[in-house]
Amino acid sequence: MANYAIIEIEAGFEVIDLLPGQSAEDAAAAQGGALVDPGPYHSFEDANDALDQLEVVEDED
C-alpha cells in the first residue's frame, strides 16, 4: 500500500509518494523540499484533500 506526505518545494506544496520503509523526512529531502505534513496518508486523494486545506489556510494569510 502506498503512503503519501506533503512537502513544500520552490513551486509550492506538493504531494509525494513515500517508498516502503522511507520516512517522510527522507522523502522530502530526496525531492529537495521541506516536510510540511508527514501524514502518512493512505491514498493520494486523502493527501490531496489535506493539501487543498493547507492552500486555503495559506491564501487566508
PDB file of N, CA and C in Angstrom:
ATOM      1  N   MET A   1       0.849  -1.178   0.000  1.00  0.00           N
ATOM      2  CA  MET A   1       0.000   0.000   0.000  1.00  0.00           C
ATOM      3  C   MET A   1       0.894   1.240   0.000  1.00  0.00           C
ATOM      4  N   ALA A   2       0.570   2.169  -0.845  1.00  0.00           N
ATOM      5  CA  ALA A   2       1.335   3.414  -0.944  1.00  0.00           C
ATOM      6  C   ALA A   2       0.931   4.374   0.168  1.00  0.00           C
ATOM      7  N   ASN A   3       1.894   5.151   0.614  1.00  0.00           N
ATOM      8  CA  ASN A   3       1.644   6.230   1.563  1.00  0.00           C
ATOM      9  C   ASN A   3       2.132   7.524   0.944  1.00  0.00           C
ATOM     10  N   TYR A   4       1.564   8.624   1.413  1.00  0.00           N
ATOM     11  CA  TYR A   4       1.864   9.932   0.842  1.00  0.00           C
ATOM     12  C   TYR A   4       2.109  10.940   1.956  1.00  0.00           C
ATOM     13  N   ALA A   5       2.880  11.971   1.625  1.00  0.00           N
ATOM     14  CA  ALA A   5       3.150  13.083   2.534  1.00  0.00           C
ATOM     15  C   ALA A   5       3.077  14.366   1.719  1.00  0.00           C
ATOM     16  N   ILE A   6       3.089  15.486   2.416  1.00  0.00           N
ATOM     17  CA  ILE A   6       3.037  16.790   1.753  1.00  0.00           C
ATOM     18  C   ILE A   6       4.330  17.534   2.051  1.00  0.00           C
ATOM     19  N   ILE A   7       4.939  18.051   0.982  1.00  0.00           N
ATOM     20  CA  ILE A   7       6.166  18.832   1.123  1.00  0.00           C
ATOM     21  C   ILE A   7       5.971  20.196   0.480  1.00  0.00           C
ATOM     22  N   GLU A   8       6.909  21.089   0.776  1.00  0.00           N
ATOM     23  CA  GLU A   8       6.936  22.379   0.100  1.00  0.00           C
ATOM     24  C   GLU A   8       8.231  22.465  -0.687  1.00  0.00           C
ATOM     25  N   ILE A   9       8.084  22.755  -1.974  1.00  0.00           N
ATOM     26  CA  ILE A   9       9.227  22.993  -2.845  1.00  0.00           C
ATOM     27  C   ILE A   9       9.134  24.428  -3.336  1.00  0.00           C
ATOM     28  N   GLU A  10      10.105  24.839  -4.118  1.00  0.00           N
ATOM     29  CA  GLU A  10      10.130  26.223  -4.597  1.00  0.00           C
ATOM     30  C   GLU A  10       8.828  26.623  -5.296  1.00  0.00           C
ATOM     31  N   ALA A  11       8.223  25.688  -6.009  1.00  0.00           N
ATOM     32  CA  ALA A  11       6.996  25.973  -6.762  1.00  0.00           C
ATOM     33  C   ALA A  11       5.738  25.937  -5.897  1.00  0.00           C
ATOM     34  N   GLY A  12       5.852  25.501  -4.638  1.00  0.00           N
ATOM     35  CA  GLY A  12       4.689  25.438  -3.757  1.00  0.00           C
ATOM     36  C   GLY A  12       4.580  24.080  -3.084  1.00  0.00           C
ATOM     37  N   PHE A  13       3.378  23.762  -2.605  1.00  0.00           N
ATOM     38  CA  PHE A  13       3.139  22.487  -1.930  1.00  0.00           C
ATOM     39  C   PHE A  13       2.970  21.375  -2.957  1.00  0.00           C
ATOM     40  N   GLU A  14       3.356  20.157  -2.548  1.00  0.00           N
ATOM     41  CA  GLU A  14       3.259  19.007  -3.443  1.00  0.00           C
ATOM     42  C   GLU A  14       3.028  17.742  -2.629  1.00  0.00           C
ATOM     43  N   VAL A  15       2.198  16.840  -3.147  1.00  0.00           N
ATOM     44  CA  VAL A  15       2.005  15.522  -2.558  1.00  0.00           C
ATOM     45  C   VAL A  15       3.068  14.602  -3.150  1.00  0.00           C
ATOM     46  N   ILE A  16       3.737  13.850  -2.280  1.00  0.00           N
ATOM     47  CA  ILE A  16       4.764  12.920  -2.754  1.00  0.00           C
ATOM     48  C   ILE A  16       4.472  11.510  -2.260  1.00  0.00           C
ATOM     49  N   ASP A  17       4.943  10.531  -3.027  1.00  0.00           N
ATOM     50  CA  ASP A  17       4.868   9.126  -2.631  1.00  0.00           C
ATOM     51  C   ASP A  17       5.964   8.837  -1.618  1.00  0.00           C
ATOM     52  N   LEU A  18       5.636   8.014  -0.637  1.00  0.00           N
ATOM     53  CA  LEU A  18       6.643   7.504   0.286  1.00  0.00           C
ATOM     54  C   LEU A  18       6.947   6.069  -0.120  1.00  0.00           C
ATOM     55  N   LEU A  19       8.206   5.766  -0.329  1.00  0.00           N
ATOM     56  CA  LEU A  19       8.600   4.405  -0.656  1.00  0.00           C
ATOM     57  C   LEU A  19       8.469   3.533   0.590  1.00  0.00           C
ATOM     58  N   PRO A  20       8.269   2.231   0.424  1.00  0.00           N
ATOM     59  CA  PRO A  20       8.182   1.348   1.596  1.00  0.00           C
ATOM     60  C   PRO A  20       9.416   1.507   2.486  1.00  0.00           C
ATOM     61  N   GLY A  21       9.190   1.757   3.761  1.00  0.00           N
ATOM     62  CA  GLY A  21      10.272   1.922   4.718  1.00  0.00           C
ATOM     63  C   GLY A  21      10.917   3.294   4.730  1.00  0.00           C
ATOM     64  N   GLN A  22      10.504   4.178   3.837  1.00  0.00           N
ATOM     65  CA  GLN A  22      11.094   5.521   3.749  1.00  0.00           C
ATOM     66  C   GLN A  22      10.353   6.475   4.683  1.00  0.00           C
ATOM     67  N   SER A  23      11.104   7.265   5.429  1.00  0.00           N
ATOM     68  CA  SER A  23      10.464   8.258   6.289  1.00  0.00           C
ATOM     69  C   SER A  23      10.030   9.451   5.450  1.00  0.00           C
ATOM     70  N   ALA A  24       9.049  10.171   5.952  1.00  0.00           N
ATOM     71  CA  ALA A  24       8.582  11.373   5.256  1.00  0.00           C
ATOM     72  C   ALA A  24       9.703  12.402   5.156  1.00  0.00           C
ATOM     73  N   GLU A  25      10.527  12.479   6.193  1.00  0.00           N
ATOM     74  CA  GLU A  25      11.643  13.423   6.189  1.00  0.00           C
ATOM     75  C   GLU A  25      12.645  13.094   5.084  1.00  0.00           C
ATOM     76  N   ASP A  26      12.961  11.804   4.939  1.00  0.00           N
ATOM     77  CA  ASP A  26      13.902  11.389   3.896  1.00  0.00           C
ATOM     78  C   ASP A  26      13.322  11.617   2.501  1.00  0.00           C
ATOM     79  N   ALA A  27      12.031  11.361   2.345  1.00  0.00           N
ATOM     80  CA  ALA A  27      11.390  11.571   1.044  1.00  0.00           C
ATOM     81  C   ALA A  27      11.401  13.049   0.677  1.00  0.00           C
ATOM     82  N   ALA A  28      11.132  13.913   1.644  1.00  0.00           N
ATOM     83  CA  ALA A  28      11.151  15.357   1.388  1.00  0.00           C
ATOM     84  C   ALA A  28      12.548  15.803   0.982  1.00  0.00           C
ATOM     85  N   ALA A  29      13.554  15.327   1.695  1.00  0.00           N
ATOM     86  CA  ALA A  29      14.937  15.697   1.379  1.00  0.00           C
ATOM     87  C   ALA A  29      15.327  15.207  -0.013  1.00  0.00           C
ATOM     88  N   ALA A  30      14.883  14.012  -0.378  1.00  0.00           N
ATOM     89  CA  ALA A  30      15.206  13.460  -1.694  1.00  0.00           C
ATOM     90  C   ALA A  30      14.585  14.283  -2.817  1.00  0.00           C
ATOM     91  N   GLN A  31      13.459  14.936  -2.525  1.00  0.00           N
ATOM     92  CA  GLN A  31      12.785  15.776  -3.516  1.00  0.00           C
ATOM     93  C   GLN A  31      13.279  17.218  -3.469  1.00  0.00           C
ATOM     94  N   GLY A  32      14.176  17.513  -2.528  1.00  0.00           N
ATOM     95  CA  GLY A  32      14.689  18.871  -2.399  1.00  0.00           C
ATOM     96  C   GLY A  32      13.691  19.820  -1.773  1.00  0.00           C
ATOM     97  N   GLY A  33      12.813  19.266  -0.938  1.00  0.00           N
ATOM     98  CA  GLY A  33      11.777  20.086  -0.321  1.00  0.00           C
ATOM     99  C   GLY A  33      11.817  20.021   1.186  1.00  0.00           C
ATOM    100  N   ALA A  34      10.915  20.771   1.792  1.00  0.00           N
ATOM    101  CA  ALA A  34      10.755  20.782   3.242  1.00  0.00           C
ATOM    102  C   ALA A  34       9.461  20.058   3.590  1.00  0.00           C
ATOM    103  N   LEU A  35       9.515  19.220   4.597  1.00  0.00           N
ATOM    104  CA  LEU A  35       8.339  18.476   5.025  1.00  0.00           C
ATOM    105  C   LEU A  35       7.320  19.424   5.646  1.00  0.00           C
ATOM    106  N   VAL A  36       6.090  19.353   5.176  1.00  0.00           N
ATOM    107  CA  VAL A  36       5.007  20.182   5.697  1.00  0.00           C
ATOM    108  C   VAL A  36       4.067  19.331   6.541  1.00  0.00           C
ATOM    109  N   ASP A  37       3.673  18.168   6.029  1.00  0.00           N
ATOM    110  CA  ASP A  37       2.742  17.277   6.715  1.00  0.00           C
ATOM    111  C   ASP A  37       3.177  15.841   6.437  1.00  0.00           C
ATOM    112  N   PRO A  38       3.677  15.143   7.464  1.00  0.00           N
ATOM    113  CA  PRO A  38       4.200  13.804   7.232  1.00  0.00           C
ATOM    114  C   PRO A  38       3.137  12.750   6.971  1.00  0.00           C
ATOM    115  N   GLY A  39       1.867  13.090   7.234  1.00  0.00           N
ATOM    116  CA  GLY A  39       0.837  12.064   7.059  1.00  0.00           C
ATOM    117  C   GLY A  39       1.076  10.950   8.076  1.00  0.00           C
ATOM    118  N   PRO A  40       1.211   9.727   7.645  1.00  0.00           N
ATOM    119  CA  PRO A  40       1.117   9.310   6.248  1.00  0.00           C
ATOM    120  C   PRO A  40      -0.340   9.198   5.819  1.00  0.00           C
ATOM    121  N   TYR A  41      -0.601   9.631   4.632  1.00  0.00           N
ATOM    122  CA  TYR A  41      -1.917   9.471   4.022  1.00  0.00           C
ATOM    123  C   TYR A  41      -1.900   8.178   3.227  1.00  0.00           C
ATOM    124  N   HIS A  42      -2.982   7.424   3.324  1.00  0.00           N
ATOM    125  CA  HIS A  42      -3.028   6.112   2.691  1.00  0.00           C
ATOM    126  C   HIS A  42      -3.602   6.143   1.285  1.00  0.00           C
ATOM    127  N   SER A  43      -4.024   7.320   0.839  1.00  0.00           N
ATOM    128  CA  SER A  43      -4.454   7.467  -0.554  1.00  0.00           C
ATOM    129  C   SER A  43      -4.041   8.848  -1.045  1.00  0.00           C
ATOM    130  N   PHE A  44      -3.825   8.937  -2.343  1.00  0.00           N
ATOM    131  CA  PHE A  44      -3.474  10.220  -2.938  1.00  0.00           C
ATOM    132  C   PHE A  44      -4.606  11.219  -2.722  1.00  0.00           C
ATOM    133  N   GLU A  45      -5.841  10.731  -2.799  1.00  0.00           N
ATOM    134  CA  GLU A  45      -6.993  11.611  -2.630  1.00  0.00           C
ATOM    135  C   GLU A  45      -7.022  12.240  -1.243  1.00  0.00           C
ATOM    136  N   ASP A  46      -6.733  11.442  -0.204  1.00  0.00           N
ATOM    137  CA  ASP A  46      -6.695  11.984   1.160  1.00  0.00           C
ATOM    138  C   ASP A  46      -5.589  13.029   1.302  1.00  0.00           C
ATOM    139  N   ALA A  47      -4.430  12.738   0.740  1.00  0.00           N
ATOM    140  CA  ALA A  47      -3.316  13.689   0.804  1.00  0.00           C
ATOM    141  C   ALA A  47      -3.650  14.960   0.034  1.00  0.00           C
ATOM    142  N   ASN A  48      -4.293  14.804  -1.102  1.00  0.00           N
ATOM    143  CA  ASN A  48      -4.655  15.966  -1.908  1.00  0.00           C
ATOM    144  C   ASN A  48      -5.711  16.821  -1.204  1.00  0.00           C
ATOM    145  N   ASP A  49      -6.651  16.184  -0.504  1.00  0.00           N
ATOM    146  CA  ASP A  49      -7.640  16.934   0.278  1.00  0.00           C
ATOM    147  C   ASP A  49      -6.949  17.746   1.374  1.00  0.00           C
ATOM    148  N   ALA A  50      -5.979  17.143   2.052  1.00  0.00           N
ATOM    149  CA  ALA A  50      -5.225  17.860   3.085  1.00  0.00           C
ATOM    150  C   ALA A  50      -4.427  18.998   2.465  1.00  0.00           C
ATOM    151  N   LEU A  51      -3.858  18.763   1.302  1.00  0.00           N
ATOM    152  CA  LEU A  51      -3.115  19.803   0.588  1.00  0.00           C
ATOM    153  C   LEU A  51      -4.030  20.970   0.242  1.00  0.00           C
ATOM    154  N   ASP A  52      -5.230  20.672  -0.224  1.00  0.00           N
ATOM    155  CA  ASP A  52      -6.190  21.734  -0.537  1.00  0.00           C
ATOM    156  C   ASP A  52      -6.478  22.587   0.692  1.00  0.00           C
ATOM    157  N   GLN A  53      -6.606  21.951   1.859  1.00  0.00           N
ATOM    158  CA  GLN A  53      -6.859  22.695   3.091  1.00  0.00           C
ATOM    159  C   GLN A  53      -5.665  23.570   3.460  1.00  0.00           C
ATOM    160  N   LEU A  54      -4.457  23.067   3.274  1.00  0.00           N
ATOM    161  CA  LEU A  54      -3.258  23.872   3.544  1.00  0.00           C
ATOM    162  C   LEU A  54      -3.209  25.093   2.640  1.00  0.00           C
ATOM    163  N   GLU A  55      -3.564  24.909   1.384  1.00  0.00           N
ATOM    164  CA  GLU A  55      -3.526  26.022   0.442  1.00  0.00           C
ATOM    165  C   GLU A  55      -4.582  27.063   0.777  1.00  0.00           C
ATOM    166  N   VAL A  56      -5.736  26.640   1.296  1.00  0.00           N
ATOM    167  CA  VAL A  56      -6.773  27.584   1.711  1.00  0.00           C
ATOM    168  C   VAL A  56      -6.268  28.413   2.880  1.00  0.00           C
ATOM    169  N   VAL A  57      -5.642  27.762   3.858  1.00  0.00           N
ATOM    170  CA  VAL A  57      -5.108  28.468   5.024  1.00  0.00           C
ATOM    171  C   VAL A  57      -4.015  29.437   4.581  1.00  0.00           C
ATOM    172  N   GLU A  58      -3.140  29.011   3.673  1.00  0.00           N
ATOM    173  CA  GLU A  58      -2.067  29.885   3.192  1.00  0.00           C
ATOM    174  C   GLU A  58      -2.645  31.103   2.473  1.00  0.00           C
ATOM    175  N   ASP A  59      -3.698  30.914   1.692  1.00  0.00           N
ATOM    176  CA  ASP A  59      -4.319  32.025   0.973  1.00  0.00           C
ATOM    177  C   ASP A  59      -4.952  33.037   1.924  1.00  0.00           C
ATOM    178  N   GLU A  60      -5.407  32.569   3.097  1.00  0.00           N
ATOM    179  CA  GLU A  60      -6.033  33.465   4.070  1.00  0.00           C
ATOM    180  C   GLU A  60      -5.009  34.360   4.752  1.00  0.00           C
ATOM    181  N   ASP A  61      -3.748  33.936   4.773  1.00  0.00           N
ATOM    182  CA  ASP A  61      -2.701  34.726   5.456  1.00  0.00           C
ATOM    183  C   ASP A  61      -2.316  35.908   4.691  1.00  0.00           C
TER     184      ASP A  61
END
